[in-house]
C-alpha atoms as a PDB file:
ATOM      1  CA  MET A   1      -4.994  -3.804  -3.028  1.00  0.00           C
ATOM      2  CA  VAL A   2      -4.832  -0.206  -3.213  1.00  0.00           C
ATOM      3  CA  VAL A   3      -5.120   2.049  -6.294  1.00  0.00           C
ATOM      4  CA  LEU A   4      -3.845   5.622  -5.713  1.00  0.00           C
ATOM      5  CA  THR A   5      -5.042   8.555  -7.950  1.00  0.00           C
ATOM      6  CA  ASN A   6      -1.665   8.451  -9.679  1.00  0.00           C
ATOM      7  CA  ASN A   7      -2.438   4.819 -11.005  1.00  0.00           C
ATOM      8  CA  GLN A   8       0.316   3.395  -8.701  1.00  0.00           C
ATOM      9  CA  ILE A   9      -0.829  -0.015  -6.982  1.00  0.00           C
ATOM     10  CA  LEU A  10       0.006  -1.063  -3.571  1.00  0.00           C
ATOM     11  CA  ILE A  11      -0.462  -4.296  -2.206  1.00  0.00           C
ATOM     12  CA  THR A  12      -0.769  -3.198   1.625  1.00  0.00           C
ATOM     13  CA  GLN A  13      -2.669  -3.677   4.764  1.00  0.00           C
ATOM     14  CA  ILE A  14      -5.068  -0.705   5.465  1.00  0.00           C
ATOM     15  CA  GLU A  15      -6.454   1.060   8.354  1.00  0.00           C
ATOM     16  CA  GLU A  16      -8.837   4.282   8.799  1.00  0.00           C
ATOM     17  CA  VAL A  17      -7.600   6.632  11.491  1.00  0.00           C
ATOM     18  CA  SER A  18      -9.548   9.096  13.114  1.00  0.00           C
ATOM     19  CA  THR A  19      -7.839  12.656  12.741  1.00  0.00           C
ATOM     20  CA  ASP A  20      -8.424  16.484  12.743  1.00  0.00           C
ATOM     21  CA  LEU A  21      -9.763  17.571   9.468  1.00  0.00           C
ATOM     22  CA  GLY A  22      -7.207  17.989   7.067  1.00  0.00           C
ATOM     23  CA  GLU A  23      -4.700  15.669   8.264  1.00  0.00           C
ATOM     24  CA  PRO A  24      -4.088  12.321   6.804  1.00  0.00           C
ATOM     25  CA  ASP A  25      -6.591   9.601   7.300  1.00  0.00           C
ATOM     26  CA  CYS A  26      -5.551   6.124   6.316  1.00  0.00           C
ATOM     27  CA  LYS A  27      -2.222   4.296   7.665  1.00  0.00           C
ATOM     28  CA  LEU A  28      -0.788   1.905   4.887  1.00  0.00           C
ATOM     29  CA  ILE A  29       1.066  -1.047   6.874  1.00  0.00           C
ATOM     30  CA  GLU A  30       3.944  -2.479   5.033  1.00  0.00           C
ATOM     31  CA  PRO A  31       3.089  -1.231   1.443  1.00  0.00           C
ATOM     32  CA  TYR A  32       4.396  -2.738  -1.510  1.00  0.00           C
ATOM     33  CA  ILE A  33       4.367  -1.408  -5.187  1.00  0.00           C
ATOM     34  CA  LEU A  34       3.179  -3.848  -7.648  1.00  0.00           C
ATOM     35  CA  ASN A  35       5.281  -3.767 -10.778  1.00  0.00           C
ATOM     36  CA  GLU A  36       2.427  -4.595 -13.533  1.00  0.00           C
ATOM     37  CA  SER A  37       4.962  -5.894 -16.354  1.00  0.00           C
ATOM     38  CA  ASN A  38       6.431  -8.540 -14.245  1.00  0.00           C
ATOM     39  CA  ILE A  39       4.258  -9.197 -11.305  1.00  0.00           C
ATOM     40  CA  THR A  40       6.965  -8.415  -8.706  1.00  0.00           C
ATOM     41  CA  LEU A  41       6.680  -6.449  -5.585  1.00  0.00           C
ATOM     42  CA  SER A  42       8.939  -3.506  -4.119  1.00  0.00           C
ATOM     43  CA  PRO A  43       8.713  -1.963  -0.721  1.00  0.00           C
ATOM     44  CA  TYR A  44       7.094   1.454  -1.053  1.00  0.00           C
ATOM     45  CA  LEU A  45       9.756   4.274  -0.813  1.00  0.00           C
ATOM     46  CA  VAL A  46      12.621   2.150  -0.064  1.00  0.00           C
ATOM     47  CA  ASP A  47      15.062   4.232  -1.430  1.00  0.00           C
ATOM     48  CA  PHE A  48      13.953   7.274   0.528  1.00  0.00           C
ATOM     49  CA  THR A  49      13.070   5.904   4.171  1.00  0.00           C
ATOM     50  CA  ASN A  50      13.466   2.701   6.188  1.00  0.00           C
ATOM     51  CA  GLN A  51       9.582   3.191   7.571  1.00  0.00           C
ATOM     52  CA  ASN A  52       7.286   0.620   6.831  1.00  0.00           C
ATOM     53  CA  ASN A  53       4.171   2.280   7.640  1.00  0.00           C
ATOM     54  CA  PHE A  54       2.706   5.665   6.008  1.00  0.00           C
ATOM     55  CA  MET A  55      -0.212   7.842   6.341  1.00  0.00           C
ATOM     56  CA  ILE A  56      -2.037   9.249   3.491  1.00  0.00           C
ATOM     57  CA  HIS A  57      -5.007  11.061   2.705  1.00  0.00           C
ATOM     58  CA  SER A  58      -7.950   9.003   1.817  1.00  0.00           C
ATOM     59  CA  ASP A  59      -8.767  11.224  -1.507  1.00  0.00           C
ATOM     60  CA  LYS A  60      -5.138   9.834  -2.871  1.00  0.00           C
ATOM     61  CA  ILE A  61      -7.138   6.550  -2.994  1.00  0.00           C
ATOM     62  CA  LEU A  62      -9.051   5.623  -6.234  1.00  0.00           C
ATOM     63  CA  THR A  63     -10.294   2.082  -5.213  1.00  0.00           C
ATOM     64  CA  ILE A  64      -9.483  -0.797  -2.429  1.00  0.00           C
ATOM     65  CA  ALA A  65      -9.610  -4.063  -3.675  1.00  0.00           C
ATOM     66  CA  ASP A  66      -8.714  -7.688  -2.299  1.00  0.00           C
ATOM     67  CA  PRO A  67      -5.565  -9.122  -4.268  1.00  0.00           C
ATOM     68  CA  ASN A  68      -6.138 -12.425  -5.848  1.00  0.00           C
ATOM     69  CA  SER A  69      -4.453 -15.480  -4.082  1.00  0.00           C
ATOM     70  CA  LYS A  70      -1.160 -15.842  -5.589  1.00  0.00           C
ATOM     71  CA  LEU A  71      -0.576 -11.850  -5.304  1.00  0.00           C
ATOM     72  CA  LYS A  72      -1.708 -12.029  -1.603  1.00  0.00           C
ATOM     73  CA  ASP A  73       0.492 -15.305  -1.192  1.00  0.00           C
ATOM     74  CA  LYS A  74       3.594 -13.212  -2.676  1.00  0.00           C
ATOM     75  CA  TYR A  75       2.978 -10.126  -0.342  1.00  0.00           C
ATOM     76  CA  LEU A  76       2.680 -12.398   2.759  1.00  0.00           C
ATOM     77  CA  SER A  77       5.911 -14.112   2.179  1.00  0.00           C
ATOM     78  CA  LEU A  78       7.587 -10.739   1.785  1.00  0.00           C
ATOM     79  CA  VAL A  79       6.183  -9.291   5.134  1.00  0.00           C
ATOM     80  CA  LYS A  80       6.723 -12.304   7.361  1.00  0.00           C
ATOM     81  CA  GLU A  81      10.408 -11.960   6.790  1.00  0.00           C
END
């Protein structure tokens, strides 16, 4: 689970990537946005792209945490499809 500096919560796999200074250094793999009001997940940027991997700067990440088992199971069922 990744909380961005804009308070958006993503459930995603994340990898740190070695890059040149100033380039995005984190790869989000199959990120889903958490809708906190009804605990649903929707694909990140689904209305704008078919991509399922995204590069971002680590300075856009506020914190990283492990999701609880219920949320993790929900995410894994979505990415297996």
